[in-house]
Amino acid sequence: MENKLHSHTFAGRTSNNEDHIHQYSGVTDEISDQLGHIHYIEGSTSFEDSHVHYYRIATSPAIYVNGGHYHVYMGNADFAKNHIQVIAGDTSFLKKE
């Protein structure tokens, strides 16, 4: 898979702020599989408590294990309805071809 374009899926739930959580999911941007590469996750959360949050977060550099790799991410979604939500998790694991 070296230097081939690829992306990862991601999904999760935000932190519990203001007595509610949001769901989110998507696909990272595409980038070549070079040592230390990162991706960006971008999108909006589910509609809860009459609002959504938008986010654009960089992942960690690739974490190589068991013949493939994944990424960790953590960051804040934007400010909405007087609060922020934290987004954190791991991307899907991709095996080297």
N, C-alpha and C. Protein backbone atom coordinates (compact mmCIF):
# COMPACT_ATOMS: atom_id res chain seq x y z
N MET A 1 0.83 -1.20 0.00
CA MET A 1 0.00 0.00 0.00
C MET A 1 0.87 1.26 0.00
N GLU A 2 2.18 1.11 0.09
CA GLU A 2 3.08 2.24 0.15
C GLU A 2 2.80 3.24 -0.97
N ASN A 3 2.59 4.48 -0.59
CA ASN A 3 2.36 5.61 -1.49
C ASN A 3 1.05 5.56 -2.28
N LYS A 4 0.18 4.62 -2.01
CA LYS A 4 -1.12 4.59 -2.67
C LYS A 4 -2.09 5.48 -1.89
N LEU A 5 -2.97 6.16 -2.64
CA LEU A 5 -3.99 6.98 -1.98
C LEU A 5 -4.94 6.10 -1.21
N HIS A 6 -5.34 6.55 -0.05
CA HIS A 6 -6.29 5.80 0.76
C HIS A 6 -7.01 6.75 1.71
N SER A 7 -8.10 6.27 2.27
CA SER A 7 -8.84 7.01 3.30
C SER A 7 -9.31 6.00 4.33
N HIS A 8 -9.83 6.50 5.43
CA HIS A 8 -10.35 5.66 6.52
C HIS A 8 -11.77 6.11 6.85
N THR A 9 -12.55 5.22 7.39
CA THR A 9 -13.85 5.62 7.94
C THR A 9 -13.65 5.95 9.42
N PHE A 10 -14.59 6.71 9.96
CA PHE A 10 -14.59 7.02 11.39
C PHE A 10 -16.03 7.23 11.83
N ALA A 11 -16.28 7.01 13.10
CA ALA A 11 -17.63 7.19 13.65
C ALA A 11 -17.53 7.23 15.16
N GLY A 12 -18.47 7.90 15.78
CA GLY A 12 -18.49 7.92 17.23
C GLY A 12 -19.57 8.81 17.79
N ARG A 13 -19.42 9.06 19.08
CA ARG A 13 -20.33 9.93 19.82
C ARG A 13 -19.50 11.01 20.48
N THR A 14 -20.04 12.20 20.54
CA THR A 14 -19.35 13.31 21.17
C THR A 14 -19.38 13.16 22.69
N SER A 15 -18.67 14.05 23.35
CA SER A 15 -18.78 14.15 24.81
C SER A 15 -20.21 14.55 25.18
N ASN A 16 -20.55 14.35 26.44
CA ASN A 16 -21.87 14.74 26.94
C ASN A 16 -21.75 16.15 27.52
N ASN A 17 -22.25 17.12 26.79
CA ASN A 17 -22.24 18.51 27.24
C ASN A 17 -23.66 19.04 27.21
N GLU A 18 -24.00 19.85 28.19
CA GLU A 18 -25.36 20.41 28.26
C GLU A 18 -26.42 19.31 28.22
N ASP A 19 -26.11 18.15 28.83
CA ASP A 19 -27.04 17.02 28.95
C ASP A 19 -27.46 16.40 27.63
N HIS A 20 -26.56 16.40 26.64
CA HIS A 20 -26.85 15.68 25.41
C HIS A 20 -25.55 15.32 24.70
N ILE A 21 -25.65 14.36 23.79
CA ILE A 21 -24.53 13.95 22.95
C ILE A 21 -24.96 14.03 21.49
N HIS A 22 -24.00 13.98 20.59
CA HIS A 22 -24.26 13.93 19.15
C HIS A 22 -23.54 12.72 18.57
N GLN A 23 -24.06 12.20 17.49
CA GLN A 23 -23.40 11.15 16.72
C GLN A 23 -22.65 11.82 15.57
N TYR A 24 -21.60 11.16 15.07
CA TYR A 24 -20.91 11.65 13.89
C TYR A 24 -20.28 10.48 13.16
N SER A 25 -20.06 10.61 11.88
CA SER A 25 -19.38 9.58 11.09
C SER A 25 -18.95 10.19 9.77
N GLY A 26 -18.04 9.52 9.10
CA GLY A 26 -17.59 10.00 7.81
C GLY A 26 -16.39 9.24 7.30
N VAL A 27 -15.74 9.84 6.30
CA VAL A 27 -14.55 9.29 5.67
C VAL A 27 -13.49 10.37 5.68
N THR A 28 -12.27 10.01 6.03
CA THR A 28 -11.18 10.97 6.04
C THR A 28 -10.88 11.44 4.61
N ASP A 29 -10.05 12.46 4.50
CA ASP A 29 -9.55 12.84 3.19
C ASP A 29 -8.61 11.74 2.70
N GLU A 30 -8.33 11.75 1.39
CA GLU A 30 -7.42 10.77 0.80
C GLU A 30 -6.00 11.31 0.81
N ILE A 31 -5.06 10.45 1.14
CA ILE A 31 -3.65 10.83 1.14
C ILE A 31 -2.83 9.57 0.89
N SER A 32 -1.60 9.73 0.42
CA SER A 32 -0.77 8.56 0.17
C SER A 32 -0.21 8.01 1.48
N ASP A 33 0.04 6.70 1.47
CA ASP A 33 0.51 6.00 2.67
C ASP A 33 2.01 6.17 2.80
N GLN A 34 2.43 7.31 3.31
CA GLN A 34 3.84 7.56 3.57
C GLN A 34 4.04 7.59 5.08
N LEU A 35 5.20 7.19 5.52
CA LEU A 35 5.51 7.14 6.94
C LEU A 35 5.20 8.48 7.60
N GLY A 36 4.40 8.44 8.66
CA GLY A 36 4.07 9.65 9.41
C GLY A 36 2.92 10.47 8.83
N HIS A 37 2.23 9.96 7.82
CA HIS A 37 1.16 10.75 7.21
C HIS A 37 -0.01 10.95 8.19
N ILE A 38 -0.76 12.00 7.97
CA ILE A 38 -1.97 12.28 8.75
C ILE A 38 -3.14 12.45 7.79
N HIS A 39 -4.34 12.45 8.34
CA HIS A 39 -5.57 12.73 7.59
C HIS A 39 -6.32 13.84 8.31
N TYR A 40 -7.35 14.35 7.66
CA TYR A 40 -8.29 15.26 8.29
C TYR A 40 -9.66 14.63 8.28
N ILE A 41 -10.36 14.75 9.41
CA ILE A 41 -11.77 14.36 9.45
C ILE A 41 -12.56 15.67 9.48
N GLU A 42 -13.66 15.67 8.78
CA GLU A 42 -14.44 16.90 8.63
C GLU A 42 -15.91 16.54 8.46
N GLY A 43 -16.79 17.34 9.04
CA GLY A 43 -18.21 17.09 8.88
C GLY A 43 -19.03 17.81 9.92
N SER A 44 -20.23 17.31 10.13
CA SER A 44 -21.13 17.85 11.14
C SER A 44 -21.72 16.71 11.95
N THR A 45 -22.08 17.02 13.16
CA THR A 45 -22.69 16.03 14.05
C THR A 45 -24.17 15.86 13.71
N SER A 46 -24.77 14.89 14.36
CA SER A 46 -26.22 14.72 14.24
C SER A 46 -26.94 15.91 14.89
N PHE A 47 -28.17 16.10 14.50
CA PHE A 47 -29.01 17.18 15.02
C PHE A 47 -29.60 16.73 16.35
N GLU A 48 -29.19 17.37 17.42
CA GLU A 48 -29.68 17.06 18.78
C GLU A 48 -29.92 18.37 19.50
N ASP A 49 -30.92 18.41 20.35
CA ASP A 49 -31.19 19.59 21.16
C ASP A 49 -31.26 20.86 20.30
N SER A 50 -31.85 20.73 19.12
CA SER A 50 -32.09 21.84 18.18
C SER A 50 -30.83 22.45 17.56
N HIS A 51 -29.74 21.67 17.44
CA HIS A 51 -28.54 22.20 16.81
C HIS A 51 -27.59 21.10 16.36
N VAL A 52 -26.59 21.48 15.56
CA VAL A 52 -25.49 20.61 15.15
C VAL A 52 -24.18 21.31 15.47
N HIS A 53 -23.09 20.56 15.44
CA HIS A 53 -21.74 21.11 15.57
C HIS A 53 -20.95 20.71 14.33
N TYR A 54 -20.09 21.58 13.87
CA TYR A 54 -19.21 21.30 12.73
C TYR A 54 -17.80 21.08 13.24
N TYR A 55 -17.03 20.26 12.53
CA TYR A 55 -15.67 19.96 12.97
C TYR A 55 -14.74 19.74 11.78
N ARG A 56 -13.48 20.04 12.00
CA ARG A 56 -12.37 19.70 11.10
C ARG A 56 -11.18 19.46 12.01
N ILE A 57 -10.73 18.21 12.07
CA ILE A 57 -9.71 17.79 13.03
C ILE A 57 -8.65 16.97 12.32
N ALA A 58 -7.39 17.23 12.62
CA ALA A 58 -6.29 16.42 12.10
C ALA A 58 -6.15 15.16 12.95
N THR A 59 -5.82 14.06 12.29
CA THR A 59 -5.56 12.82 13.02
C THR A 59 -4.11 12.79 13.49
N SER A 60 -3.81 11.80 14.28
CA SER A 60 -2.41 11.53 14.64
C SER A 60 -1.70 10.99 13.40
N PRO A 61 -0.38 10.97 13.44
CA PRO A 61 0.35 10.24 12.39
C PRO A 61 -0.08 8.77 12.41
N ALA A 62 0.13 8.08 11.30
CA ALA A 62 -0.26 6.67 11.19
C ALA A 62 0.38 5.84 12.30
N ILE A 63 -0.42 4.93 12.84
CA ILE A 63 0.05 3.99 13.86
C ILE A 63 0.08 2.62 13.18
N TYR A 64 1.28 2.09 12.94
CA TYR A 64 1.45 0.84 12.20
C TYR A 64 1.49 -0.35 13.15
N VAL A 65 0.58 -1.30 12.94
CA VAL A 65 0.53 -2.54 13.72
C VAL A 65 -0.05 -3.65 12.85
N ASN A 66 0.34 -4.87 13.10
CA ASN A 66 -0.25 -6.05 12.47
C ASN A 66 -0.43 -5.93 10.96
N GLY A 67 0.55 -5.38 10.28
CA GLY A 67 0.50 -5.32 8.82
C GLY A 67 -0.43 -4.26 8.26
N GLY A 68 -0.78 -3.27 9.03
CA GLY A 68 -1.65 -2.19 8.55
C GLY A 68 -1.48 -0.97 9.43
N HIS A 69 -2.45 -0.07 9.36
CA HIS A 69 -2.36 1.11 10.21
C HIS A 69 -3.73 1.73 10.47
N TYR A 70 -3.77 2.60 11.47
CA TYR A 70 -4.95 3.38 11.81
C TYR A 70 -4.46 4.71 12.37
N HIS A 71 -5.38 5.59 12.71
CA HIS A 71 -5.06 6.90 13.26
C HIS A 71 -5.96 7.18 14.45
N VAL A 72 -5.47 7.98 15.38
CA VAL A 72 -6.23 8.46 16.52
C VAL A 72 -6.56 9.92 16.27
N TYR A 73 -7.71 10.37 16.73
CA TYR A 73 -8.07 11.78 16.59
C TYR A 73 -8.76 12.27 17.86
N MET A 74 -8.62 13.55 18.13
CA MET A 74 -9.31 14.18 19.24
C MET A 74 -9.31 15.69 19.01
N GLY A 75 -10.44 16.31 19.22
CA GLY A 75 -10.52 17.75 19.07
C GLY A 75 -11.91 18.25 19.42
N ASN A 76 -12.08 19.55 19.35
CA ASN A 76 -13.35 20.18 19.66
C ASN A 76 -14.14 20.45 18.39
N ALA A 77 -15.42 20.18 18.46
CA ALA A 77 -16.33 20.65 17.41
C ALA A 77 -16.59 22.12 17.69
N ASP A 78 -17.13 22.82 16.74
CA ASP A 78 -17.32 24.26 16.91
C ASP A 78 -18.34 24.59 18.00
N PHE A 79 -18.34 25.83 18.40
CA PHE A 79 -19.22 26.38 19.43
C PHE A 79 -20.63 26.51 18.86
N ALA A 80 -21.61 25.96 19.55
CA ALA A 80 -23.01 26.08 19.14
C ALA A 80 -23.89 26.03 20.38
N LYS A 81 -24.87 26.84 20.43
CA LYS A 81 -25.83 26.86 21.54
C LYS A 81 -25.11 26.92 22.89
N ASN A 82 -24.13 27.80 22.98
CA ASN A 82 -23.39 28.09 24.22
C ASN A 82 -22.50 26.97 24.74
N HIS A 83 -22.03 26.06 23.88
CA HIS A 83 -21.12 25.01 24.33
C HIS A 83 -20.36 24.41 23.14
N ILE A 84 -19.34 23.63 23.46
CA ILE A 84 -18.63 22.84 22.46
C ILE A 84 -18.84 21.37 22.77
N GLN A 85 -18.50 20.51 21.84
CA GLN A 85 -18.53 19.06 22.05
C GLN A 85 -17.15 18.53 21.68
N VAL A 86 -16.65 17.58 22.43
CA VAL A 86 -15.37 16.94 22.14
C VAL A 86 -15.61 15.70 21.28
N ILE A 87 -14.76 15.55 20.26
CA ILE A 87 -14.81 14.40 19.36
C ILE A 87 -13.49 13.66 19.52
N ALA A 88 -13.54 12.35 19.75
CA ALA A 88 -12.32 11.57 19.93
C ALA A 88 -12.57 10.13 19.53
N GLY A 89 -11.54 9.49 18.97
CA GLY A 89 -11.67 8.08 18.61
C GLY A 89 -10.54 7.62 17.72
N ASP A 90 -10.74 6.47 17.10
CA ASP A 90 -9.80 5.87 16.17
C ASP A 90 -10.45 5.73 14.80
N THR A 91 -9.65 5.85 13.76
CA THR A 91 -10.17 5.57 12.42
C THR A 91 -10.21 4.07 12.20
N SER A 92 -10.77 3.67 11.09
CA SER A 92 -10.75 2.25 10.72
C SER A 92 -9.32 1.80 10.46
N PHE A 93 -9.09 0.51 10.61
CA PHE A 93 -7.78 -0.10 10.39
C PHE A 93 -7.68 -0.51 8.93
N LEU A 94 -6.58 -0.18 8.28
CA LEU A 94 -6.35 -0.59 6.89
C LEU A 94 -5.15 -1.50 6.82
N LYS A 95 -5.35 -2.68 6.25
CA LYS A 95 -4.27 -3.64 6.06
C LYS A 95 -3.46 -3.25 4.83
N LYS A 96 -2.14 -3.46 4.90
CA LYS A 96 -1.29 -3.22 3.73
C LYS A 96 -1.62 -4.27 2.68
N GLU A 97 -1.62 -3.85 1.43
CA GLU A 97 -1.91 -4.78 0.33
C GLU A 97 -0.66 -5.49 -0.12
